[in-house]
Amino acid sequence: MKKLLGTSVLVAALLSASALALEQGPFTAEQARSGRALYVANCAACHGPELKGAGEAPPLAGGTFMAAWGNRSTNEFYNLIKNSMPYGNGNSLDPIVYKNIVASILSINGATPGNNPF
């Protein structure tokens, strides 16, 4: 009986993890594609073409980024970028540009595009 209960708990945990992996992100695939080109044009000079960061510019992909932002909201990340980037010239880009760059960064970090634009 204990073995059956343990197996049931394991199966339930795996199903829950699968459901989370399939959850759609708050952006579309088109936003992520557009955002990649916008990232290259507006962000890559400091953060690098592979989002690894350089000098004072932090990485925007990988373990360090996920440790800092993995449990925070998309809106919080968007607002930080919009208000402070490009460095020293925040709020200088169209809001759609910021949204698409955020979509690209989220996608590169493993978020799955959804049907609704951010």
PDB file of N, CA and C in Angstrom:
ATOM      1  N   MET A   1       0.820  -1.188   0.000  1.00  0.00           N
ATOM      2  CA  MET A   1       0.000   0.000   0.000  1.00  0.00           C
ATOM      3  C   MET A   1       0.866   1.256   0.000  1.00  0.00           C
ATOM      4  N   LYS A   2       1.932   1.269   0.830  1.00  0.00           N
ATOM      5  CA  LYS A   2       2.812   2.431   0.876  1.00  0.00           C
ATOM      6  C   LYS A   2       3.479   2.657  -0.479  1.00  0.00           C
ATOM      7  N   LYS A   3       3.859   1.560  -1.150  1.00  0.00           N
ATOM      8  CA  LYS A   3       4.505   1.677  -2.449  1.00  0.00           C
ATOM      9  C   LYS A   3       3.537   2.278  -3.470  1.00  0.00           C
ATOM     10  N   LEU A   4       2.276   1.860  -3.433  1.00  0.00           N
ATOM     11  CA  LEU A   4       1.262   2.379  -4.347  1.00  0.00           C
ATOM     12  C   LEU A   4       1.021   3.865  -4.087  1.00  0.00           C
ATOM     13  N   LEU A   5       0.963   4.253  -2.827  1.00  0.00           N
ATOM     14  CA  LEU A   5       0.768   5.653  -2.471  1.00  0.00           C
ATOM     15  C   LEU A   5       1.949   6.495  -2.951  1.00  0.00           C
ATOM     16  N   GLY A   6       3.159   6.006  -2.754  1.00  0.00           N
ATOM     17  CA  GLY A   6       4.353   6.718  -3.203  1.00  0.00           C
ATOM     18  C   GLY A   6       4.371   6.877  -4.712  1.00  0.00           C
ATOM     19  N   THR A   7       3.983   5.842  -5.427  1.00  0.00           N
ATOM     20  CA  THR A   7       3.920   5.906  -6.889  1.00  0.00           C
ATOM     21  C   THR A   7       2.871   6.910  -7.333  1.00  0.00           C
ATOM     22  N   SER A   8       1.737   6.939  -6.658  1.00  0.00           N
ATOM     23  CA  SER A   8       0.674   7.885  -7.004  1.00  0.00           C
ATOM     24  C   SER A   8       1.129   9.326  -6.804  1.00  0.00           C
ATOM     25  N   VAL A   9       1.840   9.575  -5.729  1.00  0.00           N
ATOM     26  CA  VAL A   9       2.349  10.919  -5.460  1.00  0.00           C
ATOM     27  C   VAL A   9       3.353  11.317  -6.539  1.00  0.00           C
ATOM     28  N   LEU A  10       4.226  10.392  -6.928  1.00  0.00           N
ATOM     29  CA  LEU A  10       5.213  10.671  -7.966  1.00  0.00           C
ATOM     30  C   LEU A  10       4.533  10.984  -9.295  1.00  0.00           C
ATOM     31  N   VAL A  11       3.539  10.198  -9.675  1.00  0.00           N
ATOM     32  CA  VAL A  11       2.810  10.424 -10.928  1.00  0.00           C
ATOM     33  C   VAL A  11       2.115  11.785 -10.893  1.00  0.00           C
ATOM     34  N   ALA A  12       1.487  12.117  -9.785  1.00  0.00           N
ATOM     35  CA  ALA A  12       0.808  13.412  -9.664  1.00  0.00           C
ATOM     36  C   ALA A  12       1.807  14.560  -9.792  1.00  0.00           C
ATOM     37  N   ALA A  13       2.967  14.420  -9.192  1.00  0.00           N
ATOM     38  CA  ALA A  13       3.991  15.462  -9.282  1.00  0.00           C
ATOM     39  C   ALA A  13       4.483  15.626 -10.718  1.00  0.00           C
ATOM     40  N   LEU A  14       4.683  14.520 -11.413  1.00  0.00           N
ATOM     41  CA  LEU A  14       5.132  14.595 -12.805  1.00  0.00           C
ATOM     42  C   LEU A  14       4.083  15.240 -13.695  1.00  0.00           C
ATOM     43  N   LEU A  15       2.817  14.921 -13.474  1.00  0.00           N
ATOM     44  CA  LEU A  15       1.749  15.533 -14.265  1.00  0.00           C
ATOM     45  C   LEU A  15       1.669  17.032 -14.004  1.00  0.00           C
ATOM     46  N   SER A  16       1.848  17.441 -12.762  1.00  0.00           N
ATOM     47  CA  SER A  16       1.834  18.867 -12.436  1.00  0.00           C
ATOM     48  C   SER A  16       2.993  19.582 -13.110  1.00  0.00           C
ATOM     49  N   ALA A  17       4.168  18.988 -13.088  1.00  0.00           N
ATOM     50  CA  ALA A  17       5.335  19.592 -13.732  1.00  0.00           C
ATOM     51  C   ALA A  17       5.125  19.697 -15.234  1.00  0.00           C
ATOM     52  N   SER A  18       4.517  18.685 -15.840  1.00  0.00           N
ATOM     53  CA  SER A  18       4.245  18.720 -17.277  1.00  0.00           C
ATOM     54  C   SER A  18       3.282  19.844 -17.614  1.00  0.00           C
ATOM     55  N   ALA A  19       2.272  20.037 -16.798  1.00  0.00           N
ATOM     56  CA  ALA A  19       1.297  21.101 -17.044  1.00  0.00           C
ATOM     57  C   ALA A  19       1.969  22.463 -16.978  1.00  0.00           C
ATOM     58  N   LEU A  20       2.888  22.651 -16.037  1.00  0.00           N
ATOM     59  CA  LEU A  20       3.592  23.923 -15.929  1.00  0.00           C
ATOM     60  C   LEU A  20       4.478  24.161 -17.143  1.00  0.00           C
ATOM     61  N   ALA A  21       5.125  23.123 -17.638  1.00  0.00           N
ATOM     62  CA  ALA A  21       5.997  23.275 -18.796  1.00  0.00           C
ATOM     63  C   ALA A  21       5.212  23.672 -20.034  1.00  0.00           C
ATOM     64  N   LEU A  22       3.935  23.283 -20.103  1.00  0.00           N
ATOM     65  CA  LEU A  22       3.116  23.590 -21.260  1.00  0.00           C
ATOM     66  C   LEU A  22       2.401  24.929 -21.144  1.00  0.00           C
ATOM     67  N   GLU A  23       2.503  25.583 -20.007  1.00  0.00           N
ATOM     68  CA  GLU A  23       1.834  26.863 -19.808  1.00  0.00           C
ATOM     69  C   GLU A  23       2.390  27.890 -20.789  1.00  0.00           C
ATOM     70  N   GLN A  24       1.500  28.638 -21.406  1.00  0.00           N
ATOM     71  CA  GLN A  24       1.911  29.604 -22.416  1.00  0.00           C
ATOM     72  C   GLN A  24       2.365  30.910 -21.790  1.00  0.00           C
ATOM     73  N   GLY A  25       3.348  31.513 -22.415  1.00  0.00           N
ATOM     74  CA  GLY A  25       3.861  32.794 -21.962  1.00  0.00           C
ATOM     75  C   GLY A  25       2.948  33.944 -22.357  1.00  0.00           C
ATOM     76  N   PRO A  26       3.194  35.107 -21.794  1.00  0.00           N
ATOM     77  CA  PRO A  26       2.349  36.281 -22.055  1.00  0.00           C
ATOM     78  C   PRO A  26       2.800  37.066 -23.293  1.00  0.00           C
ATOM     79  N   PHE A  27       3.152  36.355 -24.356  1.00  0.00           N
ATOM     80  CA  PHE A  27       3.611  36.996 -25.588  1.00  0.00           C
ATOM     81  C   PHE A  27       3.399  36.027 -26.742  1.00  0.00           C
ATOM     82  N   THR A  28       3.455  36.551 -27.957  1.00  0.00           N
ATOM     83  CA  THR A  28       3.286  35.704 -29.138  1.00  0.00           C
ATOM     84  C   THR A  28       4.644  35.356 -29.742  1.00  0.00           C
ATOM     85  N   ALA A  29       4.643  34.339 -30.589  1.00  0.00           N
ATOM     86  CA  ALA A  29       5.869  33.952 -31.291  1.00  0.00           C
ATOM     87  C   ALA A  29       6.356  35.095 -32.177  1.00  0.00           C
ATOM     88  N   GLU A  30       5.430  35.814 -32.793  1.00  0.00           N
ATOM     89  CA  GLU A  30       5.812  36.946 -33.648  1.00  0.00           C
ATOM     90  C   GLU A  30       6.496  38.038 -32.829  1.00  0.00           C
ATOM     91  N   GLN A  31       6.014  38.297 -31.616  1.00  0.00           N
ATOM     92  CA  GLN A  31       6.673  39.285 -30.757  1.00  0.00           C
ATOM     93  C   GLN A  31       8.101  38.852 -30.438  1.00  0.00           C
ATOM     94  N   ALA A  32       8.286  37.572 -30.153  1.00  0.00           N
ATOM     95  CA  ALA A  32       9.628  37.073 -29.838  1.00  0.00           C
ATOM     96  C   ALA A  32      10.551  37.199 -31.047  1.00  0.00           C
ATOM     97  N   ARG A  33      10.050  36.871 -32.255  1.00  0.00           N
ATOM     98  CA  ARG A  33      10.865  36.999 -33.474  1.00  0.00           C
ATOM     99  C   ARG A  33      11.245  38.462 -33.720  1.00  0.00           C
ATOM    100  N   SER A  34      10.272  39.334 -33.648  1.00  0.00           N
ATOM    101  CA  SER A  34      10.516  40.762 -33.844  1.00  0.00           C
ATOM    102  C   SER A  34      11.470  41.292 -32.778  1.00  0.00           C
ATOM    103  N   GLY A  35      11.261  40.849 -31.554  1.00  0.00           N
ATOM    104  CA  GLY A  35      12.081  41.300 -30.438  1.00  0.00           C
ATOM    105  C   GLY A  35      13.539  40.932 -30.573  1.00  0.00           C
ATOM    106  N   ARG A  36      13.819  39.815 -31.237  1.00  0.00           N
ATOM    107  CA  ARG A  36      15.217  39.400 -31.412  1.00  0.00           C
ATOM    108  C   ARG A  36      15.978  40.440 -32.238  1.00  0.00           C
ATOM    109  N   ALA A  37      15.387  40.872 -33.355  1.00  0.00           N
ATOM    110  CA  ALA A  37      16.030  41.888 -34.199  1.00  0.00           C
ATOM    111  C   ALA A  37      16.139  43.219 -33.453  1.00  0.00           C
ATOM    112  N   LEU A  38      15.107  43.552 -32.695  1.00  0.00           N
ATOM    113  CA  LEU A  38      15.129  44.793 -31.917  1.00  0.00           C
ATOM    114  C   LEU A  38      16.183  44.733 -30.812  1.00  0.00           C
ATOM    115  N   TYR A  39      16.352  43.552 -30.209  1.00  0.00           N
ATOM    116  CA  TYR A  39      17.396  43.363 -29.201  1.00  0.00           C
ATOM    117  C   TYR A  39      18.771  43.614 -29.820  1.00  0.00           C
ATOM    118  N   VAL A  40      19.010  43.026 -30.984  1.00  0.00           N
ATOM    119  CA  VAL A  40      20.304  43.198 -31.652  1.00  0.00           C
ATOM    120  C   VAL A  40      20.560  44.680 -31.924  1.00  0.00           C
ATOM    121  N   ALA A  41      19.538  45.391 -32.382  1.00  0.00           N
ATOM    122  CA  ALA A  41      19.690  46.809 -32.723  1.00  0.00           C
ATOM    123  C   ALA A  41      19.848  47.712 -31.501  1.00  0.00           C
ATOM    124  N   ASN A  42      19.224  47.351 -30.376  1.00  0.00           N
ATOM    125  CA  ASN A  42      19.163  48.266 -29.232  1.00  0.00           C
ATOM    126  C   ASN A  42      19.886  47.810 -27.970  1.00  0.00           C
ATOM    127  N   CYS A  43      20.204  46.527 -27.862  1.00  0.00           N
ATOM    128  CA  CYS A  43      20.709  45.997 -26.593  1.00  0.00           C
ATOM    129  C   CYS A  43      22.040  45.247 -26.703  1.00  0.00           C
ATOM    130  N   ALA A  44      22.273  44.632 -27.852  1.00  0.00           N
ATOM    131  CA  ALA A  44      23.416  43.728 -28.002  1.00  0.00           C
ATOM    132  C   ALA A  44      24.767  44.413 -27.830  1.00  0.00           C
ATOM    133  N   ALA A  45      24.850  45.702 -28.124  1.00  0.00           N
ATOM    134  CA  ALA A  45      26.131  46.397 -27.977  1.00  0.00           C
ATOM    135  C   ALA A  45      26.647  46.307 -26.539  1.00  0.00           C
ATOM    136  N   CYS A  46      25.753  46.319 -25.568  1.00  0.00           N
ATOM    137  CA  CYS A  46      26.156  46.234 -24.159  1.00  0.00           C
ATOM    138  C   CYS A  46      26.000  44.823 -23.582  1.00  0.00           C
ATOM    139  N   HIS A  47      24.855  44.189 -23.854  1.00  0.00           N
ATOM    140  CA  HIS A  47      24.555  42.890 -23.252  1.00  0.00           C
ATOM    141  C   HIS A  47      25.080  41.718 -24.069  1.00  0.00           C
ATOM    142  N   GLY A  48      25.604  41.996 -25.261  1.00  0.00           N
ATOM    143  CA  GLY A  48      26.165  40.960 -26.116  1.00  0.00           C
ATOM    144  C   GLY A  48      25.120  40.297 -26.986  1.00  0.00           C
ATOM    145  N   PRO A  49      25.525  39.813 -28.156  1.00  0.00           N
ATOM    146  CA  PRO A  49      24.580  39.193 -29.086  1.00  0.00           C
ATOM    147  C   PRO A  49      23.949  37.911 -28.540  1.00  0.00           C
ATOM    148  N   GLU A  50      24.628  37.248 -27.617  1.00  0.00           N
ATOM    149  CA  GLU A  50      24.109  36.011 -27.029  1.00  0.00           C
ATOM    150  C   GLU A  50      23.502  36.241 -25.647  1.00  0.00           C
ATOM    151  N   LEU A  51      23.266  37.507 -25.282  1.00  0.00           N
ATOM    152  CA  LEU A  51      22.646  37.898 -24.015  1.00  0.00           C
ATOM    153  C   LEU A  51      23.467  37.500 -22.792  1.00  0.00           C
ATOM    154  N   LYS A  52      24.771  37.315 -22.958  1.00  0.00           N
ATOM    155  CA  LYS A  52      25.625  36.855 -21.865  1.00  0.00           C
ATOM    156  C   LYS A  52      26.115  37.984 -20.966  1.00  0.00           C
ATOM    157  N   GLY A  53      25.854  39.231 -21.372  1.00  0.00           N
ATOM    158  CA  GLY A  53      26.315  40.361 -20.592  1.00  0.00           C
ATOM    159  C   GLY A  53      27.777  40.647 -20.866  1.00  0.00           C
ATOM    160  N   ALA A  54      28.199  41.849 -20.504  1.00  0.00           N
ATOM    161  CA  ALA A  54      29.595  42.253 -20.671  1.00  0.00           C
ATOM    162  C   ALA A  54      29.838  43.469 -19.787  1.00  0.00           C
ATOM    163  N   GLY A  55      30.957  43.480 -19.099  1.00  0.00           N
ATOM    164  CA  GLY A  55      31.275  44.611 -18.228  1.00  0.00           C
ATOM    165  C   GLY A  55      30.176  44.845 -17.209  1.00  0.00           C
ATOM    166  N   GLU A  56      29.629  46.047 -17.198  1.00  0.00           N
ATOM    167  CA  GLU A  56      28.566  46.415 -16.257  1.00  0.00           C
ATOM    168  C   GLU A  56      27.195  45.868 -16.653  1.00  0.00           C
ATOM    169  N   ALA A  57      27.030  45.475 -17.908  1.00  0.00           N
ATOM    170  CA  ALA A  57      25.733  44.990 -18.398  1.00  0.00           C
ATOM    171  C   ALA A  57      25.527  43.538 -17.970  1.00  0.00           C
ATOM    172  N   PRO A  58      24.472  43.264 -17.209  1.00  0.00           N
ATOM    173  CA  PRO A  58      24.246  41.900 -16.725  1.00  0.00           C
ATOM    174  C   PRO A  58      23.770  40.965 -17.836  1.00  0.00           C
ATOM    175  N   PRO A  59      23.947  39.660 -17.637  1.00  0.00           N
ATOM    176  CA  PRO A  59      23.419  38.701 -18.605  1.00  0.00           C
ATOM    177  C   PRO A  59      21.891  38.723 -18.598  1.00  0.00           C
ATOM    178  N   LEU A  60      21.315  38.477 -19.758  1.00  0.00           N
ATOM    179  CA  LEU A  60      19.858  38.440 -19.890  1.00  0.00           C
ATOM    180  C   LEU A  60      19.368  37.045 -20.240  1.00  0.00           C
ATOM    181  N   ALA A  61      20.241  36.072 -20.110  1.00  0.00           N
ATOM    182  CA  ALA A  61      19.870  34.676 -20.358  1.00  0.00           C
ATOM    183  C   ALA A  61      20.714  33.785 -19.456  1.00  0.00           C
ATOM    184  N   GLY A  62      20.165  32.617 -19.149  1.00  0.00           N
ATOM    185  CA  GLY A  62      20.916  31.644 -18.379  1.00  0.00           C
ATOM    186  C   GLY A  62      20.643  31.691 -16.888  1.00  0.00           C
ATOM    187  N   GLY A  63      21.471  30.977 -16.163  1.00  0.00           N
ATOM    188  CA  GLY A  63      21.271  30.778 -14.735  1.00  0.00           C
ATOM    189  C   GLY A  63      21.271  32.039 -13.897  1.00  0.00           C
ATOM    190  N   THR A  64      22.192  32.948 -14.171  1.00  0.00           N
ATOM    191  CA  THR A  64      22.256  34.186 -13.394  1.00  0.00           C
ATOM    192  C   THR A  64      20.996  35.011 -13.596  1.00  0.00           C
ATOM    193  N   PHE A  65      20.562  35.114 -14.855  1.00  0.00           N
ATOM    194  CA  PHE A  65      19.339  35.859 -15.153  1.00  0.00           C
ATOM    195  C   PHE A  65      18.137  35.203 -14.481  1.00  0.00           C
ATOM    196  N   MET A  66      18.017  33.886 -14.607  1.00  0.00           N
ATOM    197  CA  MET A  66      16.868  33.189 -14.032  1.00  0.00           C
ATOM    198  C   MET A  66      16.864  33.274 -12.508  1.00  0.00           C
ATOM    199  N   ALA A  67      18.041  33.269 -11.892  1.00  0.00           N
ATOM    200  CA  ALA A  67      18.107  33.410 -10.435  1.00  0.00           C
ATOM    201  C   ALA A  67      17.579  34.776 -10.007  1.00  0.00           C
ATOM    202  N   ALA A  68      17.853  35.793 -10.805  1.00  0.00           N
ATOM    203  CA  ALA A  68      17.406  37.146 -10.470  1.00  0.00           C
ATOM    204  C   ALA A  68      15.953  37.393 -10.844  1.00  0.00           C
ATOM    205  N   TRP A  69      15.483  36.813 -11.959  1.00  0.00           N
ATOM    206  CA  TRP A  69      14.175  37.168 -12.503  1.00  0.00           C
ATOM    207  C   TRP A  69      13.184  36.018 -12.603  1.00  0.00           C
ATOM    208  N   GLY A  70      13.588  34.799 -12.356  1.00  0.00           N
ATOM    209  CA  GLY A  70      12.712  33.646 -12.553  1.00  0.00           C
ATOM    210  C   GLY A  70      11.422  33.667 -11.758  1.00  0.00           C
ATOM    211  N   ASN A  71      11.415  34.308 -10.610  1.00  0.00           N
ATOM    212  CA  ASN A  71      10.215  34.347  -9.767  1.00  0.00           C
ATOM    213  C   ASN A  71       9.543  35.714  -9.750  1.00  0.00           C
ATOM    214  N   ARG A  72       9.952  36.583 -10.654  1.00  0.00           N
ATOM    215  CA  ARG A  72       9.375  37.928 -10.700  1.00  0.00           C
ATOM    216  C   ARG A  72       8.451  38.049 -11.903  1.00  0.00           C
ATOM    217  N   SER A  73       7.625  39.060 -11.912  1.00  0.00           N
ATOM    218  CA  SER A  73       6.613  39.180 -12.962  1.00  0.00           C
ATOM    219  C   SER A  73       7.189  39.752 -14.254  1.00  0.00           C
ATOM    220  N   THR A  74       6.519  39.418 -15.342  1.00  0.00           N
ATOM    221  CA  THR A  74       6.885  39.961 -16.647  1.00  0.00           C
ATOM    222  C   THR A  74       6.756  41.479 -16.634  1.00  0.00           C
ATOM    223  N   ASN A  75       5.708  41.988 -16.020  1.00  0.00           N
ATOM    224  CA  ASN A  75       5.515  43.441 -15.962  1.00  0.00           C
ATOM    225  C   ASN A  75       6.635  44.133 -15.192  1.00  0.00           C
ATOM    226  N   GLU A  76       7.108  43.514 -14.134  1.00  0.00           N
ATOM    227  CA  GLU A  76       8.205  44.099 -13.364  1.00  0.00           C
ATOM    228  C   GLU A  76       9.466  44.194 -14.233  1.00  0.00           C
ATOM    229  N   PHE A  77       9.746  43.135 -14.981  1.00  0.00           N
ATOM    230  CA  PHE A  77      10.903  43.127 -15.876  1.00  0.00           C
ATOM    231  C   PHE A  77      10.730  44.165 -16.988  1.00  0.00           C
ATOM    232  N   TYR A  78       9.545  44.194 -17.588  1.00  0.00           N
ATOM    233  CA  TYR A  78       9.241  45.174 -18.642  1.00  0.00           C
ATOM    234  C   TYR A  78       9.446  46.601 -18.127  1.00  0.00           C
ATOM    235  N   ASN A  79       8.903  46.905 -16.959  1.00  0.00           N
ATOM    236  CA  ASN A  79       9.011  48.262 -16.408  1.00  0.00           C
ATOM    237  C   ASN A  79      10.460  48.651 -16.129  1.00  0.00           C
ATOM    238  N   LEU A  80      11.249  47.713 -15.632  1.00  0.00           N
ATOM    239  CA  LEU A  80      12.663  48.009 -15.389  1.00  0.00           C
ATOM    240  C   LEU A  80      13.359  48.360 -16.703  1.00  0.00           C
ATOM    241  N   ILE A  81      13.151  47.533 -17.716  1.00  0.00           N
ATOM    242  CA  ILE A  81      13.803  47.777 -19.007  1.00  0.00           C
ATOM    243  C   ILE A  81      13.307  49.086 -19.617  1.00  0.00           C
ATOM    244  N   LYS A  82      12.002  49.275 -19.632  1.00  0.00           N
ATOM    245  CA  LYS A  82      11.423  50.479 -20.244  1.00  0.00           C
ATOM    246  C   LYS A  82      11.931  51.749 -19.561  1.00  0.00           C
ATOM    247  N   ASN A  83      12.016  51.727 -18.253  1.00  0.00           N
ATOM    248  CA  ASN A  83      12.392  52.927 -17.505  1.00  0.00           C
ATOM    249  C   ASN A  83      13.895  53.197 -17.468  1.00  0.00           C
ATOM    250  N   SER A  84      14.715  52.196 -17.794  1.00  0.00           N
ATOM    251  CA  SER A  84      16.158  52.393 -17.634  1.00  0.00           C
ATOM    252  C   SER A  84      17.008  52.084 -18.863  1.00  0.00           C
ATOM    253  N   MET A  85      16.410  51.550 -19.917  1.00  0.00           N
ATOM    254  CA  MET A  85      17.185  51.164 -21.093  1.00  0.00           C
ATOM    255  C   MET A  85      16.677  51.877 -22.337  1.00  0.00           C
ATOM    256  N   PRO A  86      17.534  52.130 -23.293  1.00  0.00           N
ATOM    257  CA  PRO A  86      18.979  51.955 -23.270  1.00  0.00           C
ATOM    258  C   PRO A  86      19.598  52.761 -22.120  1.00  0.00           C
ATOM    259  N   TYR A  87      20.723  52.280 -21.626  1.00  0.00           N
ATOM    260  CA  TYR A  87      21.360  52.867 -20.460  1.00  0.00           C
ATOM    261  C   TYR A  87      21.461  54.383 -20.596  1.00  0.00           C
ATOM    262  N   GLY A  88      20.952  55.078 -19.596  1.00  0.00           N
ATOM    263  CA  GLY A  88      20.989  56.529 -19.578  1.00  0.00           C
ATOM    264  C   GLY A  88      19.942  57.200 -20.454  1.00  0.00           C
ATOM    265  N   ASN A  89      19.087  56.402 -21.083  1.00  0.00           N
ATOM    266  CA  ASN A  89      18.106  56.967 -22.000  1.00  0.00           C
ATOM    267  C   ASN A  89      16.799  56.166 -21.947  1.00  0.00           C
ATOM    268  N   GLY A  90      16.366  55.838 -20.733  1.00  0.00           N
ATOM    269  CA  GLY A  90      15.132  55.073 -20.562  1.00  0.00           C
ATOM    270  C   GLY A  90      13.929  55.765 -21.174  1.00  0.00           C
ATOM    271  N   ASN A  91      12.925  55.000 -21.489  1.00  0.00           N
ATOM    272  CA  ASN A  91      11.679  55.488 -22.092  1.00  0.00           C
ATOM    273  C   ASN A  91      11.889  56.160 -23.449  1.00  0.00           C
ATOM    274  N   SER A  92      12.992  55.863 -24.107  1.00  0.00           N
ATOM    275  CA  SER A  92      13.274  56.509 -25.388  1.00  0.00           C
ATOM    276  C   SER A  92      12.782  55.702 -26.590  1.00  0.00           C
ATOM    277  N   LEU A  93      12.371  54.466 -26.365  1.00  0.00           N
ATOM    278  CA  LEU A  93      11.883  53.614 -27.449  1.00  0.00           C
ATOM    279  C   LEU A  93      10.367  53.496 -27.370  1.00  0.00           C
ATOM    280  N   ASP A  94       9.764  53.116 -28.466  1.00  0.00           N
ATOM    281  CA  ASP A  94       8.322  52.874 -28.499  1.00  0.00           C
ATOM    282  C   ASP A  94       7.986  51.729 -27.540  1.00  0.00           C
ATOM    283  N   PRO A  95       6.882  51.813 -26.801  1.00  0.00           N
ATOM    284  CA  PRO A  95       6.503  50.733 -25.884  1.00  0.00           C
ATOM    285  C   PRO A  95       6.436  49.358 -26.559  1.00  0.00           C
ATOM    286  N   ILE A  96       6.038  49.309 -27.824  1.00  0.00           N
ATOM    287  CA  ILE A  96       5.987  48.028 -28.547  1.00  0.00           C
ATOM    288  C   ILE A  96       7.386  47.438 -28.689  1.00  0.00           C
ATOM    289  N   VAL A  97       8.374  48.286 -28.898  1.00  0.00           N
ATOM    290  CA  VAL A  97       9.762  47.822 -29.006  1.00  0.00           C
ATOM    291  C   VAL A  97      10.180  47.169 -27.695  1.00  0.00           C
ATOM    292  N   TYR A  98       9.909  47.830 -26.580  1.00  0.00           N
ATOM    293  CA  TYR A  98      10.243  47.253 -25.276  1.00  0.00           C
ATOM    294  C   TYR A  98       9.518  45.926 -25.062  1.00  0.00           C
ATOM    295  N   LYS A  99       8.243  45.872 -25.387  1.00  0.00           N
ATOM    296  CA  LYS A  99       7.468  44.640 -25.193  1.00  0.00           C
ATOM    297  C   LYS A  99       8.029  43.497 -26.023  1.00  0.00           C
ATOM    298  N   ASN A 100       8.400  43.780 -27.265  1.00  0.00           N
ATOM    299  CA  ASN A 100       8.920  42.721 -28.121  1.00  0.00           C
ATOM    300  C   ASN A 100      10.305  42.264 -27.680  1.00  0.00           C
ATOM    301  N   ILE A 101      11.118  43.179 -27.178  1.00  0.00           N
ATOM    302  CA  ILE A 101      12.422  42.788 -26.637  1.00  0.00           C
ATOM    303  C   ILE A 101      12.227  41.889 -25.420  1.00  0.00           C
ATOM    304  N   VAL A 102      11.308  42.249 -24.535  1.00  0.00           N
ATOM    305  CA  VAL A 102      11.013  41.407 -23.371  1.00  0.00           C
ATOM    306  C   VAL A 102      10.537  40.033 -23.829  1.00  0.00           C
ATOM    307  N   ALA A 103       9.669  39.978 -24.834  1.00  0.00           N
ATOM    308  CA  ALA A 103       9.179  38.698 -25.358  1.00  0.00           C
ATOM    309  C   ALA A 103      10.337  37.843 -25.854  1.00  0.00           C
ATOM    310  N   SER A 104      11.272  38.450 -26.553  1.00  0.00           N
ATOM    311  CA  SER A 104      12.429  37.714 -27.055  1.00  0.00           C
ATOM    312  C   SER A 104      13.285  37.173 -25.912  1.00  0.00           C
ATOM    313  N   ILE A 105      13.534  37.995 -24.915  1.00  0.00           N
ATOM    314  CA  ILE A 105      14.344  37.567 -23.771  1.00  0.00           C
ATOM    315  C   ILE A 105      13.657  36.419 -23.035  1.00  0.00           C
ATOM    316  N   LEU A 106      12.351  36.528 -22.835  1.00  0.00           N
ATOM    317  CA  LEU A 106      11.616  35.447 -22.173  1.00  0.00           C
ATOM    318  C   LEU A 106      11.685  34.165 -22.989  1.00  0.00           C
ATOM    319  N   SER A 107      11.519  34.284 -24.298  1.00  0.00           N
ATOM    320  CA  SER A 107      11.565  33.119 -25.177  1.00  0.00           C
ATOM    321  C   SER A 107      12.932  32.445 -25.128  1.00  0.00           C
ATOM    322  N   ILE A 108      13.983  33.225 -25.185  1.00  0.00           N
ATOM    323  CA  ILE A 108      15.344  32.680 -25.133  1.00  0.00           C
ATOM    324  C   ILE A 108      15.592  31.965 -23.807  1.00  0.00           C
ATOM    325  N   ASN A 109      14.916  32.401 -22.755  1.00  0.00           N
ATOM    326  CA  ASN A 109      15.059  31.773 -21.442  1.00  0.00           C
ATOM    327  C   ASN A 109      14.076  30.632 -21.218  1.00  0.00           C
ATOM    328  N   GLY A 110      13.388  30.200 -22.274  1.00  0.00           N
ATOM    329  CA  GLY A 110      12.564  28.999 -22.193  1.00  0.00           C
ATOM    330  C   GLY A 110      11.073  29.196 -22.079  1.00  0.00           C
ATOM    331  N   ALA A 111      10.592  30.429 -22.016  1.00  0.00           N
ATOM    332  CA  ALA A 111       9.141  30.644 -21.955  1.00  0.00           C
ATOM    333  C   ALA A 111       8.523  30.286 -23.306  1.00  0.00           C
ATOM    334  N   THR A 112       7.356  29.687 -23.269  1.00  0.00           N
ATOM    335  CA  THR A 112       6.653  29.270 -24.474  1.00  0.00           C
ATOM    336  C   THR A 112       5.714  30.375 -24.931  1.00  0.00           C
ATOM    337  N   PRO A 113       5.788  30.775 -26.209  1.00  0.00           N
ATOM    338  CA  PRO A 113       4.859  31.801 -26.704  1.00  0.00           C
ATOM    339  C   PRO A 113       3.411  31.353 -26.572  1.00  0.00           C
ATOM    340  N   GLY A 114       2.537  32.316 -26.408  1.00  0.00           N
ATOM    341  CA  GLY A 114       1.106  32.044 -26.331  1.00  0.00           C
ATOM    342  C   GLY A 114       0.378  32.695 -27.483  1.00  0.00           C
ATOM    343  N   ASN A 115      -0.919  32.834 -27.339  1.00  0.00           N
ATOM    344  CA  ASN A 115      -1.754  33.403 -28.394  1.00  0.00           C
ATOM    345  C   ASN A 115      -2.036  34.883 -28.203  1.00  0.00           C
ATOM    346  N   ASN A 116      -1.774  35.401 -27.018  1.00  0.00           N
ATOM    347  CA  ASN A 116      -2.101  36.793 -26.714  1.00  0.00           C
ATOM    348  C   ASN A 116      -0.844  37.639 -26.640  1.00  0.00           C
ATOM    349  N   PRO A 117      -0.835  38.783 -27.332  1.00  0.00           N
ATOM    350  CA  PRO A 117       0.342  39.648 -27.264  1.00  0.00           C
ATOM    351  C   PRO A 117       0.505  40.270 -25.887  1.00  0.00           C
ATOM    352  N   PHE A 118       1.734  40.542 -25.548  1.00  0.00           N
ATOM    353  CA  PHE A 118       2.082  41.201 -24.289  1.00  0.00           C
ATOM    354  C   PHE A 118       1.822  42.675 -24.454  1.00  0.00           C
TER     355      PHE A 118
END
